[in-house]
Protein backbone atom coordinates (compact mmCIF):
# COMPACT_ATOMS: atom_id res chain seq x y z
CA GLY A 1 147.60 -202.74 -158.88
CA LYS A 2 144.24 -201.44 -157.75
CA ASN A 3 141.35 -201.13 -160.16
CA ARG A 4 140.37 -197.47 -160.06
CA THR A 5 137.33 -196.03 -161.73
CA LYS A 6 137.52 -192.70 -163.43
CA PRO A 7 136.12 -189.89 -161.22
CA VAL A 8 132.89 -188.30 -162.39
CA PHE A 9 134.45 -184.84 -162.17
CA ASP A 10 137.36 -185.66 -164.47
CA THR A 11 137.87 -182.56 -166.64
CA LYS A 12 140.21 -184.10 -169.22
CA GLN A 13 138.83 -183.84 -172.73
CA GLU A 14 139.17 -187.13 -174.54
CA SER A 15 138.34 -187.18 -178.22
CA SER A 16 136.33 -189.99 -179.65
CA ASP A 17 133.91 -190.44 -182.50
CA GLU A 18 131.01 -190.58 -180.02
CA ASP A 19 131.83 -187.10 -178.67
CA GLU A 20 131.80 -185.54 -182.14
CA GLU A 21 128.47 -186.87 -183.42
CA PRO A 22 126.11 -184.73 -181.29
CA GLU A 23 127.90 -181.54 -182.37
CA SER A 24 127.52 -182.32 -186.06
CA ALA A 25 123.93 -183.54 -185.58
CA ALA A 26 122.84 -180.17 -184.10
CA PRO A 27 124.77 -177.33 -185.68
CA GLU A 28 125.17 -174.22 -183.56
CA LEU A 29 123.22 -171.15 -184.56
CA THR A 30 125.04 -168.10 -185.81
CA GLU A 31 124.68 -164.96 -183.72
CA GLU A 32 122.24 -163.52 -186.26
CA GLU A 33 120.13 -166.72 -186.24
CA LEU A 34 120.10 -166.72 -182.45
CA ILE A 35 118.93 -163.10 -182.38
CA GLN A 36 116.17 -163.84 -184.90
CA GLN A 37 115.05 -166.88 -182.90
CA ARG A 38 114.91 -164.87 -179.68
CA LEU A 39 113.00 -162.03 -181.34
CA GLN A 40 110.39 -164.54 -182.51
CA THR A 41 110.02 -166.44 -179.23
CA ALA A 42 111.07 -164.20 -176.33
CA THR A 43 109.08 -161.38 -174.81
CA ALA A 44 110.15 -158.23 -173.03
CA ILE A 45 109.45 -158.00 -169.33
CA PRO A 46 106.72 -155.38 -168.72
CA ILE A 47 107.71 -152.34 -166.64
CA THR A 48 105.39 -153.42 -163.83
CA ASP A 49 107.03 -156.88 -163.56
CA SER A 50 110.17 -157.58 -161.57
CA LEU A 51 113.32 -158.11 -163.61
CA PHE A 52 114.45 -160.76 -161.13
CA ASP A 53 111.45 -163.01 -160.43
CA ASN A 54 107.80 -163.45 -161.45
CA HIS A 55 106.42 -160.75 -159.13
CA LYS A 56 103.92 -158.39 -160.74
CA SER A 57 103.21 -154.93 -159.34
CA LYS A 58 100.31 -152.59 -160.07
CA THR A 59 102.57 -149.65 -160.95
CA LEU A 60 106.11 -148.98 -162.15
CA GLU A 61 106.87 -147.18 -158.87
CA ALA A 62 105.61 -150.15 -156.81
CA ASN A 63 107.76 -152.46 -158.95
CA LEU A 64 110.88 -150.35 -158.37
CA GLU A 65 110.22 -150.39 -154.63
CA TYR A 66 109.71 -154.18 -154.68
CA MET A 67 112.99 -154.74 -156.57
CA ARG A 68 114.84 -152.35 -154.24
CA LEU A 69 113.62 -154.11 -151.10
CA ASN A 70 114.03 -157.68 -152.38
CA PHE A 71 117.07 -157.46 -154.65
CA GLY A 72 118.84 -154.22 -153.80
CA PHE A 73 118.09 -152.91 -157.31
CA PHE A 74 117.91 -149.15 -157.58
CA ILE A 75 118.42 -146.50 -160.21
CA PRO A 76 120.98 -143.92 -159.11
CA TYR A 77 119.94 -140.28 -159.60
CA VAL A 78 116.42 -141.37 -160.57
CA ASP A 79 115.23 -137.78 -160.00
CA ALA A 80 117.53 -136.59 -162.80
CA LEU A 81 116.30 -139.32 -165.17
CA GLU A 82 114.15 -137.93 -167.98
CA ASP A 83 112.53 -141.19 -169.15
CA LEU A 84 112.14 -143.74 -166.35
CA GLU A 85 109.54 -145.69 -168.32
CA GLY A 86 111.89 -145.83 -171.33
CA LEU A 87 114.79 -147.07 -169.17
CA MET A 88 112.66 -149.80 -167.59
CA THR A 89 111.31 -150.79 -171.03
CA TYR A 90 114.90 -151.10 -172.27
CA LEU A 91 115.92 -153.19 -169.22
CA GLY A 92 112.84 -155.41 -169.71
CA GLU A 93 113.92 -156.06 -173.30
CA LYS A 94 117.53 -156.61 -172.28
CA VAL A 95 116.54 -159.30 -169.75
CA GLY A 96 113.43 -160.74 -171.43
CA ILE A 97 114.71 -160.90 -175.01
CA GLY A 98 118.48 -160.57 -174.72
CA TYR A 99 118.77 -162.76 -171.60
CA SER A 100 121.39 -160.30 -170.34
CA CYS A 101 122.31 -159.48 -166.78
CA VAL A 102 121.42 -155.86 -165.89
CA TYR A 103 124.58 -155.61 -163.79
CA CYS A 104 127.40 -157.31 -165.69
CA THR A 105 125.88 -157.65 -169.22
CA LYS A 106 126.65 -161.40 -169.32
CA GLU A 107 124.25 -163.27 -171.58
CA PHE A 108 122.40 -166.40 -170.44
CA TYR A 109 120.26 -169.13 -172.02
CA SER A 110 117.02 -167.89 -170.47
CA PRO A 111 115.69 -164.85 -168.61
CA SER A 112 115.45 -166.79 -165.36
CA ALA A 113 119.12 -167.78 -165.44
């Protein structure tokens, strides 16, 4: 028969001693430990900084306009909102510290992801 090499994209999980060592060498953090680590190392995104890239605006209003034009981000019924600064502070913490998507709430490994 033909000698065939295993494809790189093979998704079968084969168990071996080699596969198990890295997991035991670096134990996963508990959710509480992960939160504490993020609180110590991560920073909230300021309200004048874009939630989606490294763009910095001079004002909150200029930032909202930048994010609307470049990413389609807008706040519905913004005129009825009582605390725009508070909402943007919360979203900056959610992305900058929680690494969460502002749309689907999925969590990532970094704010840029």
